N, C-alpha and C. Protein backbone atom coordinates (compact mmCIF):
# COMPACT_ATOMS: atom_id res chain seq x y z
N MET A 1 12.09 -25.28 -7.27
CA MET A 1 12.66 -25.03 -6.22
C MET A 1 14.54 -24.75 -5.62
N LEU A 2 14.93 -25.58 -6.78
CA LEU A 2 16.06 -25.51 -6.88
C LEU A 2 16.28 -23.92 -7.53
N LYS A 3 15.87 -23.31 -8.41
CA LYS A 3 15.92 -21.98 -8.86
C LYS A 3 15.98 -20.71 -8.06
N LYS A 4 15.06 -20.95 -7.03
CA LYS A 4 14.87 -20.17 -6.18
C LYS A 4 15.69 -20.04 -5.38
N ILE A 5 16.39 -21.31 -5.12
CA ILE A 5 17.49 -21.01 -4.13
C ILE A 5 18.59 -20.49 -4.38
N GLU A 6 19.06 -21.04 -5.49
CA GLU A 6 20.36 -20.59 -6.31
C GLU A 6 20.10 -18.70 -6.66
N LEU A 7 18.56 -18.11 -6.74
CA LEU A 7 18.81 -16.87 -6.90
C LEU A 7 19.12 -15.98 -5.49
N SER A 8 18.48 -16.89 -4.31
CA SER A 8 18.93 -16.46 -3.21
C SER A 8 20.09 -16.17 -2.48
N VAL A 9 20.50 -17.29 -3.13
CA VAL A 9 22.29 -17.18 -2.70
C VAL A 9 22.91 -16.13 -3.20
N LEU A 10 22.51 -16.03 -4.98
CA LEU A 10 23.01 -14.74 -5.95
C LEU A 10 23.07 -13.49 -5.15
N ALA A 11 21.57 -13.26 -4.51
CA ALA A 11 21.14 -12.15 -4.05
C ALA A 11 22.11 -11.87 -2.55
N MET A 12 21.97 -12.52 -2.15
CA MET A 12 22.83 -12.53 -0.72
C MET A 12 24.31 -12.43 -0.88
N PHE A 13 24.98 -13.05 -2.08
CA PHE A 13 25.90 -12.71 -2.49
C PHE A 13 26.42 -12.02 -2.88
N THR A 14 25.69 -10.96 -3.90
CA THR A 14 25.62 -9.89 -4.09
C THR A 14 25.32 -8.80 -3.16
N PHE A 15 24.62 -8.87 -2.11
CA PHE A 15 24.60 -7.81 -1.29
C PHE A 15 25.63 -7.66 -0.29
N ALA A 16 26.20 -9.00 0.38
CA ALA A 16 27.35 -9.05 0.86
C ALA A 16 28.85 -7.92 0.00
N ILE A 17 28.89 -8.50 -1.20
CA ILE A 17 29.57 -7.12 -2.13
C ILE A 17 29.73 -6.36 -1.90
N ILE A 18 28.32 -5.75 -2.10
CA ILE A 18 27.72 -4.38 -2.32
C ILE A 18 27.88 -3.52 -0.22
N ILE A 19 27.82 -4.41 0.62
CA ILE A 19 27.97 -4.16 2.01
C ILE A 19 29.91 -3.75 2.17
N PHE A 20 30.34 -4.75 1.53
CA PHE A 20 31.94 -4.58 1.95
C PHE A 20 32.32 -4.20 1.29
N GLY A 21 32.00 -3.25 0.21
CA GLY A 21 32.78 -1.98 -0.74
C GLY A 21 33.67 -2.60 -1.36
N ALA A 22 33.50 -3.35 -2.27
CA ALA A 22 34.21 -3.85 -3.26
C ALA A 22 34.20 -3.04 -4.43
N THR A 23 35.43 -2.91 -5.08
CA THR A 23 35.38 -1.52 -5.87
C THR A 23 35.01 -2.41 -7.53
N THR A 24 35.33 -3.27 -7.71
CA THR A 24 34.69 -3.63 -9.02
C THR A 24 33.98 -4.86 -8.75
N LEU A 25 32.38 -4.99 -8.86
CA LEU A 25 31.20 -5.96 -8.42
C LEU A 25 31.02 -6.75 -9.73
N SER A 26 31.53 -7.97 -9.61
CA SER A 26 31.22 -9.31 -10.64
C SER A 26 31.05 -10.17 -9.82
N LEU A 27 29.62 -10.80 -10.44
CA LEU A 27 29.20 -11.65 -9.48
C LEU A 27 29.32 -13.03 -10.05
N ALA A 28 29.41 -13.97 -8.95
CA ALA A 28 29.35 -15.13 -9.41
C ALA A 28 28.81 -15.98 -10.73
N GLN A 29 29.43 -16.65 -11.45
CA GLN A 29 28.87 -17.58 -12.43
C GLN A 29 27.30 -17.82 -11.76
N THR A 30 26.51 -17.75 -12.67
CA THR A 30 24.82 -18.56 -12.01
C THR A 30 24.77 -19.77 -13.11
N ALA A 31 24.01 -20.84 -12.13
CA ALA A 31 23.42 -21.79 -12.91
C ALA A 31 22.14 -21.68 -14.12
N THR A 32 21.72 -20.46 -13.87
CA THR A 32 20.39 -19.95 -14.64
C THR A 32 20.81 -19.04 -15.50
N THR A 33 21.76 -18.60 -15.97
CA THR A 33 22.43 -17.66 -17.14
C THR A 33 23.54 -18.25 -17.37
N GLY A 34 24.61 -18.65 -16.69
CA GLY A 34 25.83 -19.56 -17.47
C GLY A 34 26.76 -18.06 -17.68
N LYS A 35 26.34 -16.69 -17.38
CA LYS A 35 27.13 -15.93 -17.76
C LYS A 35 27.17 -14.90 -16.18
N HIS A 36 28.49 -14.13 -16.46
CA HIS A 36 29.30 -13.49 -15.37
C HIS A 36 27.73 -11.68 -15.46
N ALA A 37 27.68 -11.12 -14.21
CA ALA A 37 26.73 -9.85 -14.22
C ALA A 37 27.48 -9.01 -13.52
N SER A 38 27.62 -7.80 -14.32
CA SER A 38 28.65 -7.28 -13.59
C SER A 38 27.54 -5.75 -12.95
N LEU A 39 27.70 -5.01 -11.74
CA LEU A 39 27.08 -3.86 -11.03
C LEU A 39 28.24 -2.69 -10.91
N PRO A 40 27.84 -1.87 -11.19
CA PRO A 40 28.52 -0.72 -10.83
C PRO A 40 29.34 -0.59 -9.56
N HIS A 41 30.43 0.29 -9.20
CA HIS A 41 31.06 0.17 -8.39
C HIS A 41 30.36 0.45 -6.81
N ASP A 42 29.28 1.44 -7.30
CA ASP A 42 28.42 2.41 -6.06
C ASP A 42 27.37 1.95 -6.16
N ALA A 43 27.01 0.58 -6.34
CA ALA A 43 25.42 -0.11 -6.48
C ALA A 43 24.97 0.43 -5.02
N ILE A 44 24.04 0.55 -5.02
CA ILE A 44 23.42 0.71 -3.36
C ILE A 44 22.31 0.01 -3.04
N ASP A 45 21.52 -0.86 -4.13
CA ASP A 45 20.71 -2.15 -3.70
C ASP A 45 20.71 -2.97 -4.77
N ILE A 46 20.13 -4.33 -4.83
CA ILE A 46 19.55 -4.62 -5.65
C ILE A 46 18.23 -5.29 -5.49
N ALA A 47 17.12 -5.30 -6.55
CA ALA A 47 16.18 -6.04 -6.72
C ALA A 47 16.54 -7.19 -7.73
N ILE A 48 15.25 -8.16 -7.46
CA ILE A 48 15.35 -9.06 -9.09
C ILE A 48 14.00 -9.84 -9.20
N ASP A 49 13.71 -9.58 -10.74
CA ASP A 49 12.18 -9.67 -10.43
C ASP A 49 12.33 -11.22 -10.57
N THR A 50 10.57 -11.77 -11.55
CA THR A 50 10.39 -13.21 -11.45
C THR A 50 11.29 -13.64 -12.73
N ARG A 51 11.53 -12.78 -13.98
CA ARG A 51 11.97 -13.21 -14.98
C ARG A 51 13.92 -13.15 -14.72
N CYS A 52 14.20 -13.03 -13.42
CA CYS A 52 15.50 -13.16 -12.75
C CYS A 52 16.58 -11.72 -13.75
N ASN A 53 15.78 -10.56 -13.85
CA ASN A 53 16.39 -9.45 -14.22
C ASN A 53 16.67 -8.78 -12.57
N LEU A 54 17.81 -8.25 -12.99
CA LEU A 54 18.89 -7.72 -11.67
C LEU A 54 18.40 -6.36 -11.72
N TYR A 55 17.78 -5.31 -10.78
CA TYR A 55 17.62 -3.90 -10.78
C TYR A 55 18.48 -3.33 -9.57
N THR A 56 19.52 -2.40 -10.41
CA THR A 56 20.23 -1.54 -9.31
C THR A 56 20.27 -0.26 -9.69
N ALA A 57 20.67 0.78 -8.67
CA ALA A 57 21.27 2.17 -8.89
C ALA A 57 22.32 2.35 -8.47
N CYS A 58 23.34 3.33 -9.19
CA CYS A 58 24.38 3.82 -8.85
C CYS A 58 24.15 5.55 -8.06
N ARG A 59 25.10 5.18 -7.01
CA ARG A 59 24.65 6.41 -5.95
C ARG A 59 25.30 7.68 -6.79
N GLU A 60 26.25 7.51 -7.04
CA GLU A 60 27.17 8.90 -7.54
C GLU A 60 26.39 9.50 -8.68
N SER A 61 25.75 9.11 -9.50
CA SER A 61 25.30 9.53 -10.77
C SER A 61 23.87 9.20 -10.98
N GLY A 62 22.92 8.38 -9.85
CA GLY A 62 21.48 8.68 -9.64
C GLY A 62 21.28 7.37 -10.80
N HIS A 63 21.87 7.05 -11.93
CA HIS A 63 21.47 6.09 -13.01
C HIS A 63 20.76 4.53 -12.19
N VAL A 64 19.88 4.03 -12.95
CA VAL A 64 19.10 2.99 -12.52
C VAL A 64 19.03 2.36 -13.82
N PHE A 65 19.62 1.03 -13.27
CA PHE A 65 19.59 -0.25 -14.65
C PHE A 65 18.85 -1.42 -14.16
N CYS A 66 18.54 -2.15 -15.36
CA CYS A 66 18.22 -3.35 -15.46
C CYS A 66 19.47 -4.22 -16.11
N ILE A 67 19.83 -5.31 -15.23
CA ILE A 67 20.82 -6.37 -15.69
C ILE A 67 19.67 -7.49 -16.38
N PRO A 68 19.32 -7.86 -17.42
CA PRO A 68 18.89 -9.10 -17.98
C PRO A 68 19.82 -10.48 -17.70
N PRO A 69 19.37 -11.33 -17.75
CA PRO A 69 20.08 -12.58 -17.82
C PRO A 69 20.81 -12.83 -19.37
N ASN A 70 21.91 -13.10 -19.36
CA ASN A 70 22.84 -13.46 -20.69
C ASN A 70 22.64 -11.86 -21.38
N SER A 71 23.11 -10.69 -20.72
CA SER A 71 22.69 -9.18 -21.38
C SER A 71 23.66 -8.36 -20.66
N GLU A 72 23.76 -7.38 -21.50
CA GLU A 72 24.56 -6.27 -20.62
C GLU A 72 23.07 -5.42 -19.70
N ALA A 73 23.93 -4.33 -19.16
CA ALA A 73 23.14 -3.57 -18.61
C ALA A 73 22.36 -2.43 -19.34
N ILE A 74 21.26 -2.24 -18.78
CA ILE A 74 20.31 -1.50 -19.52
C ILE A 74 19.90 -0.18 -18.56
N LEU A 75 20.29 1.19 -19.10
CA LEU A 75 19.83 2.23 -18.04
C LEU A 75 18.43 2.33 -18.35
N LEU A 76 18.21 2.29 -17.34
CA LEU A 76 16.38 2.66 -16.99
C LEU A 76 16.18 4.20 -17.31
N GLY A 77 17.16 4.93 -16.30
CA GLY A 77 16.43 6.48 -16.02
C GLY A 77 17.57 7.09 -15.24
N LYS A 78 17.53 8.02 -15.19
CA LYS A 78 18.16 8.65 -13.86
C LYS A 78 17.42 9.98 -12.83
N ILE A 79 17.88 9.43 -11.27
CA ILE A 79 17.16 10.00 -10.40
C ILE A 79 18.09 11.00 -10.13
N SER A 80 17.52 12.62 -10.05
CA SER A 80 18.40 13.46 -9.77
C SER A 80 18.85 13.45 -8.05
N GLU A 81 18.38 12.99 -7.53
CA GLU A 81 18.98 12.68 -5.87
C GLU A 81 19.81 11.36 -5.92
N THR A 82 20.29 11.47 -4.54
CA THR A 82 20.82 10.19 -4.18
C THR A 82 20.11 9.05 -4.02
N PRO A 83 19.97 7.98 -4.84
CA PRO A 83 19.47 6.76 -4.30
C PRO A 83 20.13 5.74 -3.25
N ALA A 84 19.09 5.49 -2.53
CA ALA A 84 19.34 4.38 -1.60
C ALA A 84 19.02 3.31 -1.28
N VAL A 85 17.77 3.16 -1.58
CA VAL A 85 17.14 1.71 -1.47
C VAL A 85 16.32 1.67 -3.06
N LEU A 86 15.96 0.09 -3.36
CA LEU A 86 14.98 0.19 -4.80
C LEU A 86 14.37 -0.93 -4.47
N THR A 87 13.13 -1.12 -5.17
CA THR A 87 12.42 -2.69 -5.37
C THR A 87 11.87 -2.50 -6.77
N VAL A 88 11.24 -3.45 -7.21
CA VAL A 88 11.14 -3.78 -8.75
C VAL A 88 9.52 -4.50 -8.19
N ASP A 89 8.48 -4.17 -8.93
CA ASP A 89 6.57 -5.01 -8.84
C ASP A 89 6.71 -5.88 -9.83
N ALA A 90 5.80 -6.16 -10.23
CA ALA A 90 5.56 -7.41 -10.94
C ALA A 90 5.35 -7.14 -11.86
N LEU A 91 5.05 -5.67 -12.74
CA LEU A 91 5.04 -5.11 -14.20
C LEU A 91 6.21 -4.48 -14.47
N ARG A 92 7.66 -5.18 -13.58
CA ARG A 92 8.79 -4.64 -13.48
C ARG A 92 9.18 -2.97 -13.64
N ASN A 93 8.19 -2.49 -12.97
CA ASN A 93 8.37 -0.87 -12.54
C ASN A 93 8.88 -0.76 -11.76
N VAL A 94 10.21 0.16 -11.54
CA VAL A 94 11.73 0.11 -9.86
C VAL A 94 10.99 1.24 -9.66
N PHE A 95 11.01 1.07 -7.82
CA PHE A 95 10.90 2.09 -7.14
C PHE A 95 12.06 2.35 -6.02
N VAL A 96 12.65 3.91 -6.50
CA VAL A 96 13.84 4.29 -5.76
C VAL A 96 13.41 5.09 -4.53
N GLY A 97 13.92 4.90 -3.30
CA GLY A 97 13.86 5.68 -2.28
C GLY A 97 15.27 6.62 -2.48
N THR A 98 15.24 7.95 -2.12
CA THR A 98 16.41 8.75 -1.92
C THR A 98 16.99 8.99 -0.60
N GLU A 99 17.91 9.17 -0.42
CA GLU A 99 18.60 9.86 1.02
C GLU A 99 17.86 10.97 1.31
N ASN A 100 17.09 11.75 0.41
CA ASN A 100 16.31 13.06 0.83
C ASN A 100 14.94 12.38 1.22
N GLY A 101 14.50 11.34 1.21
CA GLY A 101 13.29 11.07 1.37
C GLY A 101 12.43 11.22 0.26
N GLY A 102 13.00 11.18 -0.96
CA GLY A 102 12.01 11.20 -2.13
C GLY A 102 11.46 9.56 -2.66
N ILE A 103 10.48 9.48 -2.98
CA ILE A 103 10.21 7.79 -3.28
C ILE A 103 10.02 8.39 -5.21
N TYR A 104 10.65 7.38 -5.93
CA TYR A 104 10.49 7.52 -7.33
C TYR A 104 9.79 6.28 -8.05
N LEU A 105 9.28 6.78 -8.88
CA LEU A 105 8.88 5.49 -9.94
C LEU A 105 9.78 5.73 -11.21
N ILE A 106 10.06 4.30 -12.08
CA ILE A 106 10.59 4.68 -13.19
C ILE A 106 9.76 3.15 -13.83
N THR A 107 9.01 3.58 -15.20
CA THR A 107 8.38 2.57 -15.39
C THR A 107 9.09 1.76 -16.70
N GLN A 108 8.61 1.11 -17.08
CA GLN A 108 9.53 0.35 -18.03
C GLN A 108 9.73 0.91 -19.44
N ASP A 109 9.16 2.04 -19.33
CA ASP A 109 9.34 3.02 -20.66
C ASP A 109 10.40 4.19 -20.55
N GLY A 110 10.57 4.50 -19.15
CA GLY A 110 11.60 5.03 -19.08
C GLY A 110 11.04 6.46 -18.15
N ASP A 111 9.73 6.34 -17.84
CA ASP A 111 8.92 7.61 -17.34
C ASP A 111 9.42 7.51 -15.90
N LEU A 112 9.71 8.58 -15.54
CA LEU A 112 10.05 8.97 -13.78
C LEU A 112 8.81 9.86 -12.98
N HIS A 113 8.41 9.50 -12.23
CA HIS A 113 7.38 9.74 -11.39
C HIS A 113 7.93 9.80 -9.99
N GLU A 114 7.25 11.18 -9.26
CA GLU A 114 7.67 11.10 -7.95
C GLU A 114 6.53 10.77 -7.39
N VAL A 115 6.14 9.73 -6.17
CA VAL A 115 5.59 9.08 -5.98
C VAL A 115 4.83 9.67 -4.22
N CYS A 116 5.78 10.08 -3.70
CA CYS A 116 5.91 10.73 -2.29
C CYS A 116 7.45 11.34 -1.87
N ARG A 117 6.73 12.15 -0.89
CA ARG A 117 8.04 12.29 -0.05
C ARG A 117 7.98 11.92 1.33
N ILE A 118 8.84 11.42 2.34
CA ILE A 118 8.75 11.20 3.57
C ILE A 118 10.03 12.12 4.08
N ASP A 119 9.56 11.95 5.42
CA ASP A 119 10.55 13.02 6.58
C ASP A 119 11.70 12.33 6.99
N ARG A 120 11.96 11.53 5.97
CA ARG A 120 13.28 10.51 6.78
C ARG A 120 13.85 9.53 5.99
N LYS A 121 14.64 9.58 5.54
CA LYS A 121 15.60 8.14 4.24
C LYS A 121 15.02 6.94 4.71
N PRO A 122 14.53 6.35 3.57
CA PRO A 122 13.91 4.99 3.35
C PRO A 122 14.71 4.39 3.78
N ILE A 123 14.59 3.41 4.47
CA ILE A 123 15.55 2.35 4.85
C ILE A 123 15.39 0.90 3.74
N GLY A 124 14.40 1.10 3.42
CA GLY A 124 13.76 -0.39 2.66
C GLY A 124 12.39 0.30 1.81
N LEU A 125 12.27 -0.89 1.12
CA LEU A 125 11.36 -0.62 0.20
C LEU A 125 10.69 -2.19 -0.35
N GLU A 126 9.56 -2.43 -0.31
CA GLU A 126 9.10 -3.58 -0.50
C GLU A 126 7.69 -3.72 -1.35
N MET A 127 7.32 -4.35 -2.27
CA MET A 127 6.11 -4.40 -2.89
C MET A 127 5.17 -6.13 -2.72
N ASP A 128 4.44 -5.54 -1.90
CA ASP A 128 3.34 -6.58 -0.91
C ASP A 128 2.52 -7.47 -2.58
N ARG A 129 2.12 -8.35 -2.05
CA ARG A 129 1.09 -9.32 -3.42
C ARG A 129 0.04 -8.71 -4.01
N ASP A 130 -0.44 -7.51 -3.24
CA ASP A 130 -1.29 -6.76 -3.75
C ASP A 130 -1.26 -5.57 -4.83
N GLY A 131 0.25 -5.26 -4.83
CA GLY A 131 0.75 -4.12 -5.35
C GLY A 131 0.84 -2.69 -4.57
N THR A 132 1.01 -3.06 -3.21
CA THR A 132 1.15 -1.90 -2.30
C THR A 132 2.64 -1.53 -2.27
N LEU A 133 3.06 -0.50 -2.52
CA LEU A 133 4.53 -0.23 -2.15
C LEU A 133 4.72 -0.21 -0.72
N LEU A 134 5.42 -0.86 0.36
CA LEU A 134 6.01 -0.74 1.59
C LEU A 134 7.23 -0.09 1.73
N VAL A 135 7.20 1.46 2.37
CA VAL A 135 8.21 1.82 2.38
C VAL A 135 8.77 2.05 4.01
N GLY A 136 9.83 1.39 4.66
CA GLY A 136 10.39 1.37 5.92
C GLY A 136 11.25 2.63 6.16
N THR A 137 11.19 3.40 7.24
CA THR A 137 11.85 4.57 7.84
C THR A 137 12.89 4.44 8.61
N SER A 138 13.96 5.30 8.86
CA SER A 138 14.60 5.31 9.69
C SER A 138 14.32 5.10 11.31
N HIS A 139 12.96 5.23 11.31
CA HIS A 139 12.32 5.75 12.58
C HIS A 139 11.46 4.46 12.86
N GLY A 140 11.48 3.83 12.18
CA GLY A 140 10.37 2.39 12.45
C GLY A 140 9.27 2.49 12.07
N ARG A 141 9.07 3.40 11.02
CA ARG A 141 7.69 3.41 10.51
C ARG A 141 7.62 2.85 9.34
N ILE A 142 6.36 2.15 8.89
CA ILE A 142 6.14 1.36 7.50
C ILE A 142 5.00 2.26 6.72
N ILE A 143 5.08 3.06 5.80
CA ILE A 143 4.29 3.87 5.05
C ILE A 143 3.91 2.89 3.98
N ARG A 144 2.30 2.73 3.54
CA ARG A 144 1.80 2.27 2.37
C ARG A 144 1.52 3.20 1.19
N VAL A 145 1.83 3.00 0.39
CA VAL A 145 1.18 3.67 -0.70
C VAL A 145 0.39 2.61 -1.78
N THR A 146 -0.85 2.39 -1.51
CA THR A 146 -1.98 1.37 -2.41
C THR A 146 -1.19 1.45 -3.90
N ARG A 147 -2.02 0.15 -4.24
CA ARG A 147 -1.91 0.10 -5.98
C ARG A 147 -2.42 1.22 -6.80
N SER A 148 -3.77 1.91 -6.01
CA SER A 148 -4.77 2.50 -6.57
C SER A 148 -3.72 3.92 -6.47
N GLU A 149 -3.51 4.23 -5.03
CA GLU A 149 -2.84 5.62 -5.37
C GLU A 149 -1.44 5.22 -6.23
N LEU A 150 -0.67 3.88 -6.54
CA LEU A 150 0.13 4.11 -7.59
C LEU A 150 0.00 4.85 -8.88
N GLN A 151 -1.64 3.71 -9.34
CA GLN A 151 -2.24 4.49 -10.55
C GLN A 151 -2.32 5.68 -10.56
N GLN A 152 -3.04 6.45 -9.85
CA GLN A 152 -3.45 7.75 -9.71
C GLN A 152 -2.07 8.40 -10.24
N ILE A 153 -1.04 8.24 -9.57
CA ILE A 153 -0.01 8.93 -9.82
C ILE A 153 0.61 9.17 -11.47
N GLN A 154 0.48 8.03 -11.65
CA GLN A 154 1.21 7.27 -13.16
C GLN A 154 -0.33 8.12 -14.19
N GLU A 155 -1.29 8.16 -13.54
CA GLU A 155 -2.48 8.93 -15.01
C GLU A 155 -1.90 10.12 -14.77
N LYS A 156 -1.58 11.08 -13.82
CA LYS A 156 -1.58 12.48 -13.72
C LYS A 156 -0.40 12.84 -14.65
N ASN A 157 0.71 11.95 -14.33
CA ASN A 157 1.85 11.97 -15.51
C ASN A 157 1.68 12.26 -16.58
């Protein structure tokens, strides 16, 4: 239970730094890793997986990173549009929503797939326990992309 509380505090601290526009983002030392993790100055969002990896994307470059505990950032891929939000699923696939309404999937192998396109900027992405991607829009709608639909998208490409 203590580990979950530490991660929640870490996530809230990181989110607060991103919101308030710090130019150099260095996270507080955590009890779980004993090291510092650094985020790009233009990080748009963070997500944390079950292995305590942090995920983020850069607004300017479109680069999407994984920051494992006790390690340096790993470039997972690049989105050609401006990232706005992201989330990660149980298989460590990263989903990125862009300011133009694109929703993209980046697999752990670095493959990039467009999942869907919505008519508004997404304001939130989340995975439910069944593997359904939930996309919150700026007009209060929630769009659901089921796990089977996501698998079909990956198989097409």
